[in-house]
Amino acid sequence: MKFTEMKSNPTAANLPAKIQRVGAIGGGQLALMMGDAARNLGIELTVQTPSAADPAVAVAAGSVLAAIDDVGATAKLAELCDVITFENEFVDLDGLAQLADRGALFRPSLLSLTPLLDKYVQRCYLQDLGLPTPRFWAWDSGDPLPEEATNFPLVIKTRRHGYDGQGTFIVKDAASFESICAKLKGRPLLLEEFVPFDRELAAIAARSIDGEIAIYPIVETQQEDRVCRLVIAPADISLNVKAQAESIARTLLDSLQAVGIFGIELFLTADNRLLVNEIAPRTHNSGHFSIDACKTSQFEQHLRAVCQLPLGNCGLNCHGAVMVNLLGYESAESDYLMQRQQLAQIAGAFVHWYGKKQSRPGRKLGHVTVVLDSESAADRRAQALSVARNIDFIWKAN
């Protein structure tokens, strides 16, 4: 699959001089944290989200209560706002294109999103840019496996609407392969080689409408059941690996003519090569540490980009940090106040709670960032892992 060169986004010269009303499609925790940054910048945030109980509704200036892919509701959002951005990728691009034709302004642009929302199309786009990825194939579960992909383990992904590990399956043997095929029968899928990576990394990068790019410290991420469990910032990596990650981010954002924050998930192999895993065209879980550990949070940076403000300094304001997601471990209705109070007593800790009323296994209920005081990267990593174990112990104590 080949992609023609994308049209450039409009320049700042022919767009509104001042943008103060931002619409966000989505009202979950990412929009919640964007709302806090919006207040600090004097920006009015309105969210489109299905329920008045969704986290961002409590902090937004206004809300349009409707499904994320309800284009009619987005038309109402456009009337209330100067620009519309995205909390997630569960959108109807064809429907939104009709609004764009009528003057609605989206950032990132719909052209920037087009090659990213389908995972197979995303892989093809990265390949055409010359960026390194695992080997991959388009596949339907009713078809024979490609000849090159007959050895286990393999990775199967649904091509649309995967989030927090949903729709991703690591196939270890023939029995699990048959079970997964039965579950996904008839759906368009992405088949990938399994990468025995040394570590997972992420790059959070922002691009302004004028092409300025700001890249946060490259971080190490660790997953639990394919959901991000913790993030260590900065990652203990060589200067060469750091340069590779930053080069990938710059190439991607410039090619997309992106405006806003993008999260780029990476595999680091044992021989210090990087492979691109996935791209998220929005604020990203691996950037949450930036709220407490960086001069400019990823949420402020995103708003700065979409509102035509100068990008902020994304450097650390401390030696390092660890961010631990507070993942649901039971089905319950609880605010976990006692655990949160104990977590707040950890030295250097900042506890963020998303206000969700229902817990279920794997659901993101909040996160804790702990700033680290060691100047040594190796010592910081050991300290981060020790802090994460302590947080897990407190969080799951009954």
Protein backbone atom coordinates (compact mmCIF):
# COMPACT_ATOMS: atom_id res chain seq x y z
CA MET A 1 0.00 0.00 0.00
CA LYS A 2 1.41 3.38 -1.02
CA PHE A 3 0.48 6.82 0.25
CA THR A 4 0.61 9.94 -1.83
CA GLU A 5 2.11 13.04 -0.24
CA MET A 6 -0.41 14.58 2.13
CA LYS A 7 -1.63 18.12 1.64
CA SER A 8 -0.09 20.63 4.02
CA ASN A 9 -2.19 21.92 6.88
CA PRO A 10 -3.20 25.58 6.61
CA THR A 11 -0.59 27.97 7.96
CA ALA A 12 -1.20 30.13 10.99
CA ALA A 13 -1.46 33.15 8.68
CA ASN A 14 -4.91 32.18 7.37
CA LEU A 15 -6.39 30.80 10.59
CA PRO A 16 -7.97 32.49 13.63
CA ALA A 17 -5.46 34.74 15.42
CA LYS A 18 -6.67 33.59 18.83
CA ILE A 19 -8.17 30.24 19.75
CA GLN A 20 -9.75 30.05 23.19
CA ARG A 21 -12.59 27.53 22.76
CA VAL A 22 -11.43 23.94 22.32
CA GLY A 23 -13.71 20.96 21.76
CA ALA A 24 -12.54 17.46 22.68
CA ILE A 25 -14.13 14.34 21.24
CA GLY A 26 -14.05 12.08 24.29
CA GLY A 27 -14.59 12.75 27.97
CA GLY A 28 -12.43 10.20 29.78
CA GLN A 29 -9.36 10.73 31.94
CA LEU A 30 -7.27 12.18 29.10
CA ALA A 31 -9.83 14.95 28.60
CA LEU A 32 -10.05 15.33 32.39
CA MET A 33 -6.34 16.11 32.58
CA MET A 34 -6.61 18.31 29.48
CA GLY A 35 -9.31 20.26 31.32
CA ASP A 36 -6.93 21.06 34.18
CA ALA A 37 -4.35 22.36 31.69
CA ALA A 38 -7.01 24.36 29.82
CA ARG A 39 -7.96 26.28 32.96
CA ASN A 40 -4.33 27.24 33.54
CA LEU A 41 -4.09 28.58 29.98
CA GLY A 42 -7.40 30.42 30.11
CA ILE A 43 -8.89 28.10 27.48
CA GLU A 44 -12.52 26.96 27.50
CA LEU A 45 -12.82 23.18 27.01
CA THR A 46 -16.06 21.52 25.87
CA VAL A 47 -16.27 17.74 25.60
CA GLN A 48 -18.37 15.35 23.52
CA THR A 49 -18.91 12.23 25.60
CA PRO A 50 -21.74 9.72 26.18
CA SER A 51 -22.41 10.20 29.89
CA ALA A 52 -22.62 13.05 32.36
CA ALA A 53 -20.70 10.75 34.75
CA ASP A 54 -17.64 10.62 32.47
CA PRO A 55 -14.53 12.07 34.18
CA ALA A 56 -14.01 15.22 32.08
CA VAL A 57 -17.57 16.52 32.39
CA ALA A 58 -16.87 17.72 35.94
CA VAL A 59 -14.01 20.00 34.84
CA ALA A 60 -15.14 21.04 31.34
CA ALA A 61 -16.75 24.40 30.62
CA GLY A 62 -19.49 22.54 28.75
CA SER A 63 -20.44 19.17 27.33
CA VAL A 64 -22.31 17.61 24.43
CA LEU A 65 -23.67 14.29 25.72
CA ALA A 66 -23.54 11.88 22.79
CA ALA A 67 -21.59 8.92 21.46
CA ILE A 68 -18.03 9.61 20.34
CA ASP A 69 -18.83 8.75 16.70
CA ASP A 70 -22.07 10.79 16.57
CA VAL A 71 -21.27 13.23 13.77
CA GLY A 72 -24.42 15.27 14.39
CA ALA A 73 -23.26 15.86 17.96
CA THR A 74 -19.82 16.86 16.68
CA ALA A 75 -21.52 19.43 14.45
CA LYS A 76 -23.01 20.94 17.61
CA LEU A 77 -19.57 20.83 19.25
CA ALA A 78 -18.12 22.69 16.26
CA GLU A 79 -20.65 25.49 16.74
CA LEU A 80 -19.44 25.96 20.32
CA CYS A 81 -15.70 25.81 19.63
CA ASP A 82 -12.91 27.31 17.53
CA VAL A 83 -11.08 24.00 17.10
CA ILE A 84 -11.80 20.32 17.81
CA THR A 85 -9.25 17.81 19.04
CA PHE A 86 -9.41 14.13 20.02
CA GLU A 87 -9.14 12.12 23.21
CA ASN A 88 -9.38 8.79 21.37
CA GLU A 89 -9.50 7.28 17.89
CA PHE A 90 -13.05 5.88 17.90
CA VAL A 91 -14.29 8.43 15.36
CA ASP A 92 -16.08 8.41 12.01
CA LEU A 93 -13.56 10.05 9.68
CA ASP A 94 -15.89 10.09 6.68
CA GLY A 95 -18.59 11.82 8.69
CA LEU A 96 -16.13 14.32 10.18
CA ALA A 97 -14.85 15.11 6.68
CA GLN A 98 -18.27 16.54 5.85
CA LEU A 99 -17.97 18.88 8.84
CA ALA A 100 -14.45 19.87 7.77
CA ASP A 101 -15.80 20.73 4.31
CA ARG A 102 -18.24 23.09 6.06
CA GLY A 103 -15.44 24.84 7.95
CA ALA A 104 -14.94 22.82 11.15
CA LEU A 105 -11.28 22.90 12.21
CA PHE A 106 -9.77 19.65 13.49
CA ARG A 107 -6.33 19.29 15.08
CA PRO A 108 -4.70 16.96 14.40
CA SER A 109 -6.21 17.26 10.93
CA LEU A 110 -8.29 14.44 9.48
CA LEU A 111 -5.52 13.98 6.90
CA SER A 112 -3.09 13.34 9.76
CA LEU A 113 -5.41 10.73 11.27
CA THR A 114 -6.23 8.92 8.00
CA PRO A 115 -3.15 6.65 7.84
CA LEU A 116 -3.18 5.84 11.56
CA LEU A 117 -6.61 4.60 12.66
CA ASP A 118 -6.45 1.22 10.89
CA LYS A 119 -3.47 -0.69 12.30
CA TYR A 120 -2.64 -2.39 9.00
CA VAL A 121 -2.81 0.91 7.10
CA GLN A 122 -0.64 2.44 9.84
CA ARG A 123 1.95 -0.30 9.36
CA CYS A 124 1.99 0.32 5.60
CA TYR A 125 2.41 4.05 6.15
CA LEU A 126 5.38 3.51 8.47
CA GLN A 127 6.92 1.10 5.97
CA ASP A 128 6.56 3.64 3.16
CA LEU A 129 8.36 6.20 5.35
CA GLY A 130 11.22 3.75 5.82
CA LEU A 131 10.59 3.47 9.57
CA PRO A 132 11.37 0.09 11.18
CA THR A 133 8.43 -2.14 12.21
CA PRO A 134 7.89 -5.82 12.96
CA ARG A 135 7.00 -7.90 9.90
CA PHE A 136 3.26 -7.81 9.32
CA TRP A 137 0.46 -9.10 7.10
CA ALA A 138 -3.19 -8.27 6.51
CA TRP A 139 -5.21 -11.37 7.33
CA ASP A 140 -8.73 -12.70 7.76
CA SER A 141 -9.21 -15.48 10.27
CA GLY A 142 -10.98 -17.56 7.64
CA ASP A 143 -7.91 -17.57 5.37
CA PRO A 144 -4.77 -19.73 5.61
CA LEU A 145 -1.83 -18.18 7.41
CA PRO A 146 0.77 -16.51 5.19
CA GLU A 147 3.61 -18.94 4.56
CA GLU A 148 6.09 -16.63 6.31
CA ALA A 149 3.95 -16.51 9.48
CA THR A 150 3.50 -20.14 10.41
CA ASN A 151 5.75 -20.25 13.48
CA PHE A 152 4.49 -19.46 16.97
CA PRO A 153 4.41 -17.17 18.87
CA LEU A 154 2.52 -14.67 16.70
CA VAL A 155 0.63 -11.47 17.43
CA ILE A 156 -2.92 -10.92 16.16
CA LYS A 157 -4.55 -7.48 16.35
CA THR A 158 -7.94 -6.20 15.32
CA ARG A 159 -7.35 -3.42 12.82
CA ARG A 160 -9.67 -0.84 14.42
CA HIS A 161 -10.72 0.18 17.93
CA GLY A 162 -8.03 -1.58 19.95
CA TYR A 163 -7.31 0.26 23.21
CA ASP A 164 -5.45 -0.66 26.42
CA GLY A 165 -4.56 -4.06 25.01
CA GLN A 166 -8.08 -4.84 23.83
CA GLY A 167 -8.05 -6.52 20.44
CA THR A 168 -4.42 -7.67 20.80
CA PHE A 169 -3.65 -11.37 21.22
CA ILE A 170 -0.29 -13.11 21.65
CA VAL A 171 -0.72 -16.56 20.12
CA LYS A 172 1.63 -19.03 21.77
CA ASP A 173 0.52 -22.35 20.28
CA ALA A 174 -1.90 -24.05 17.90
CA ALA A 175 -4.62 -24.48 20.54
CA SER A 176 -4.75 -20.79 21.43
CA PHE A 177 -4.58 -19.95 17.73
CA GLU A 178 -7.75 -21.95 17.01
CA SER A 179 -9.55 -20.38 19.96
CA ILE A 180 -8.67 -16.83 18.91
CA CYS A 181 -9.60 -17.52 15.28
CA ALA A 182 -13.05 -18.67 16.37
CA LYS A 183 -13.51 -15.52 18.47
CA LEU A 184 -12.42 -13.17 15.66
CA LYS A 185 -13.93 -15.02 12.72
CA GLY A 186 -14.78 -12.75 9.81
CA ARG A 187 -13.04 -9.64 11.17
CA PRO A 188 -10.20 -7.90 9.28
CA LEU A 189 -7.03 -8.47 11.26
CA LEU A 190 -3.36 -7.53 11.41
CA LEU A 191 -0.92 -10.38 11.84
CA GLU A 192 2.56 -9.57 13.18
CA GLU A 193 5.73 -11.40 14.02
CA PHE A 194 6.35 -11.64 17.75
CA VAL A 195 9.27 -9.41 18.74
CA PRO A 196 11.33 -10.75 21.69
CA PHE A 197 12.17 -7.21 22.77
CA ASP A 198 14.55 -6.26 25.54
CA ARG A 199 12.39 -3.35 26.70
CA GLU A 200 9.45 -1.25 25.57
CA LEU A 201 9.98 2.49 25.14
CA ALA A 202 7.79 5.43 24.21
CA ALA A 203 8.37 8.85 22.69
CA ILE A 204 5.88 11.65 23.37
CA ALA A 205 6.31 14.41 20.81
CA ALA A 206 4.41 17.56 19.87
CA ARG A 207 4.39 19.52 16.62
CA SER A 208 3.07 23.03 16.12
CA ILE A 209 1.28 24.37 13.06
CA ASP A 210 4.55 26.08 12.06
CA GLY A 211 6.47 22.80 12.18
CA GLU A 212 8.22 23.25 15.52
CA ILE A 213 8.75 19.88 17.23
CA ALA A 214 9.26 19.29 20.96
CA ILE A 215 10.10 15.80 22.24
CA TYR A 216 9.78 14.70 25.87
CA PRO A 217 12.44 12.49 27.49
CA ILE A 218 12.21 8.98 26.04
CA VAL A 219 10.62 6.68 28.62
CA GLU A 220 10.58 2.99 29.45
CA THR A 221 7.15 1.39 29.77
CA GLN A 222 6.14 -1.90 31.35
CA GLN A 223 2.84 -3.65 30.67
CA GLU A 224 0.54 -5.88 32.70
CA ASP A 225 -1.83 -7.98 30.55
CA ARG A 226 -1.00 -5.59 27.68
CA VAL A 227 -2.08 -2.54 29.71
CA CYS A 228 0.58 -0.02 30.73
CA ARG A 229 1.49 -0.61 34.38
CA LEU A 230 4.39 1.77 34.88
CA VAL A 231 6.55 4.34 33.12
CA ILE A 232 10.14 5.27 34.02
CA ALA A 233 11.36 8.69 32.90
CA PRO A 234 13.88 9.07 31.46
CA ALA A 235 14.65 5.58 30.12
CA ASP A 236 18.11 4.18 30.85
CA ILE A 237 19.20 3.99 27.20
CA SER A 238 22.24 4.91 25.14
CA LEU A 239 22.56 8.24 23.34
CA ASN A 240 22.32 6.31 20.06
CA VAL A 241 18.97 4.75 20.99
CA LYS A 242 17.70 8.14 22.18
CA ALA A 243 18.71 9.67 18.85
CA GLN A 244 16.96 6.84 16.95
CA ALA A 245 13.73 7.40 18.88
CA GLU A 246 13.80 11.17 18.35
CA SER A 247 14.54 10.72 14.64
CA ILE A 248 11.53 8.38 14.29
CA ALA A 249 9.32 10.95 16.03
CA ARG A 250 10.50 13.83 13.82
CA THR A 251 10.13 11.84 10.60
CA LEU A 252 6.63 10.72 11.50
CA LEU A 253 5.28 14.07 12.70
CA ASP A 254 6.72 15.99 9.77
CA SER A 255 5.34 13.48 7.26
CA LEU A 256 1.88 13.68 8.83
CA GLN A 257 2.04 17.48 9.07
CA ALA A 258 0.83 16.75 12.59
CA VAL A 259 -0.46 19.38 15.01
CA GLY A 260 -0.62 18.32 18.66
CA ILE A 261 0.82 15.55 20.83
CA PHE A 262 1.48 12.06 19.48
CA GLY A 263 2.49 8.96 21.45
CA ILE A 264 4.90 6.58 19.69
CA GLU A 265 5.31 3.12 21.21
CA LEU A 266 8.62 1.38 20.47
CA PHE A 267 10.30 -1.99 20.93
CA LEU A 268 14.01 -1.97 21.85
CA THR A 269 15.72 -5.18 20.75
CA ALA A 270 18.69 -6.83 22.44
CA ASP A 271 21.02 -5.40 19.75
CA ASN A 272 19.80 -1.82 20.40
CA ARG A 273 17.52 -1.51 17.38
CA LEU A 274 14.16 0.20 17.60
CA LEU A 275 10.94 -1.01 15.99
CA VAL A 276 7.76 1.06 15.95
CA ASN A 277 4.92 -0.76 17.70
CA GLU A 278 1.97 1.65 17.51
CA ILE A 279 1.16 5.34 17.05
CA ALA A 280 -1.47 7.18 19.13
CA PRO A 281 -2.49 10.57 17.65
CA ARG A 282 -3.30 12.13 21.03
CA THR A 283 -2.05 12.53 24.57
CA HIS A 284 -0.78 9.19 25.83
CA ASN A 285 -0.59 7.21 29.06
CA SER A 286 3.21 7.09 28.84
CA GLY A 287 3.29 10.89 29.08
CA HIS A 288 1.33 11.29 32.33
CA PHE A 289 4.57 11.71 34.32
CA SER A 290 4.97 15.09 32.60
CA ILE A 291 2.24 16.68 34.77
CA ASP A 292 4.45 16.57 37.86
CA ALA A 293 7.96 15.95 36.49
CA CYS A 294 8.25 18.29 33.48
CA LYS A 295 8.23 22.03 32.96
CA THR A 296 5.25 21.68 30.58
CA SER A 297 2.78 18.79 30.84
CA GLN A 298 1.80 16.86 27.72
CA PHE A 299 -1.76 18.18 28.15
CA GLU A 300 -0.68 21.82 28.20
CA GLN A 301 1.65 21.11 25.28
CA HIS A 302 -1.17 19.62 23.25
CA LEU A 303 -3.40 22.63 23.88
CA ARG A 304 -0.55 24.98 23.04
CA ALA A 305 -0.13 23.24 19.69
CA VAL A 306 -3.81 23.17 18.73
CA CYS A 307 -4.36 26.77 19.91
CA GLN A 308 -1.39 28.20 17.97
CA LEU A 309 0.56 29.09 21.12
CA PRO A 310 4.36 28.65 21.35
CA LEU A 311 5.32 25.14 22.47
CA GLY A 312 6.52 24.88 26.05
CA ASN A 313 9.72 23.45 27.51
CA CYS A 314 9.26 19.68 27.84
CA GLY A 315 12.42 19.08 29.89
CA LEU A 316 12.35 17.44 33.31
CA ASN A 317 12.20 19.59 36.43
CA CYS A 318 13.74 16.75 38.49
CA HIS A 319 16.27 13.95 37.97
CA GLY A 320 13.56 11.50 36.96
CA ALA A 321 10.18 10.01 37.80
CA VAL A 322 8.14 6.82 37.85
CA MET A 323 4.45 6.79 36.96
CA VAL A 324 2.34 3.83 38.12
CA ASN A 325 -1.19 3.27 36.84
CA LEU A 326 -3.77 2.41 39.47
CA LEU A 327 -5.44 -0.45 37.61
CA GLY A 328 -8.64 -2.05 38.80
CA TYR A 329 -8.04 -5.47 40.34
CA GLU A 330 -11.65 -6.33 41.27
CA SER A 331 -15.22 -5.62 40.26
CA ALA A 332 -16.42 -3.15 42.86
CA GLU A 333 -17.86 0.29 43.53
CA SER A 334 -15.31 2.18 45.63
CA ASP A 335 -13.32 5.40 45.72
CA TYR A 336 -10.37 3.58 47.41
CA LEU A 337 -9.89 6.60 49.65
CA MET A 338 -7.83 4.77 52.27
CA GLN A 339 -5.35 3.47 49.68
CA ARG A 340 -5.10 6.89 48.05
CA GLN A 341 -4.34 8.55 51.38
CA GLN A 342 -1.56 6.02 52.02
CA LEU A 343 -0.13 6.50 48.53
CA ALA A 344 0.01 10.25 49.11
CA GLN A 345 2.35 9.66 52.07
CA ILE A 346 5.09 8.24 49.81
CA ALA A 347 7.95 10.73 49.53
CA GLY A 348 7.72 12.67 46.27
CA ALA A 349 4.31 11.21 45.34
CA PHE A 350 1.52 12.91 43.39
CA VAL A 351 -1.76 10.96 43.34
CA HIS A 352 -4.17 11.53 40.45
CA TRP A 353 -7.68 10.07 40.73
CA TYR A 354 -10.01 9.99 37.72
CA GLY A 355 -13.30 9.98 39.63
CA LYS A 356 -14.62 6.74 38.13
CA LYS A 357 -17.25 5.10 40.29
CA GLN A 358 -16.87 1.51 39.07
CA SER A 359 -13.76 -0.64 39.28
CA ARG A 360 -13.14 -3.67 37.10
CA PRO A 361 -9.97 -5.67 36.43
CA GLY A 362 -7.55 -3.70 34.24
CA ARG A 363 -9.55 -0.46 34.24
CA LYS A 364 -7.47 2.70 34.68
CA LEU A 365 -8.78 4.41 37.81
CA GLY A 366 -5.92 6.82 38.45
CA HIS A 367 -2.16 7.07 38.54
CA VAL A 368 0.66 7.97 40.92
CA THR A 369 3.80 9.82 39.87
CA VAL A 370 6.80 9.77 42.19
CA VAL A 371 9.75 12.08 41.48
CA LEU A 372 13.15 10.42 41.90
CA ASP A 373 16.28 11.95 43.41
CA SER A 374 19.12 9.83 42.04
CA GLU A 375 21.46 11.27 39.38
CA SER A 376 22.45 7.76 38.20
CA ALA A 377 20.21 6.27 35.49
CA ALA A 378 20.76 2.71 36.76
CA ASP A 379 20.05 3.72 40.36
CA ARG A 380 16.94 5.63 39.25
CA ARG A 381 15.59 2.57 37.46
CA ALA A 382 16.14 0.38 40.53
CA GLN A 383 14.51 3.05 42.70
CA ALA A 384 11.56 3.27 40.29
CA LEU A 385 10.93 -0.47 40.37
CA SER A 386 11.12 -0.49 44.18
CA VAL A 387 8.64 2.40 44.38
CA ALA A 388 6.30 0.62 41.96
CA ARG A 389 6.31 -2.53 44.12
CA ASN A 390 5.45 -0.43 47.17
CA ILE A 391 2.59 1.28 45.32
CA ASP A 392 1.22 -2.08 44.19
CA PHE A 393 1.35 -3.38 47.77
CA ILE A 394 -0.55 -0.36 49.13
CA TRP A 395 -3.02 -0.26 46.24
CA LYS A 396 -4.07 -3.89 46.51
CA ALA A 397 -4.15 -4.03 50.32
CA ASN A 398 -7.64 -4.80 51.64
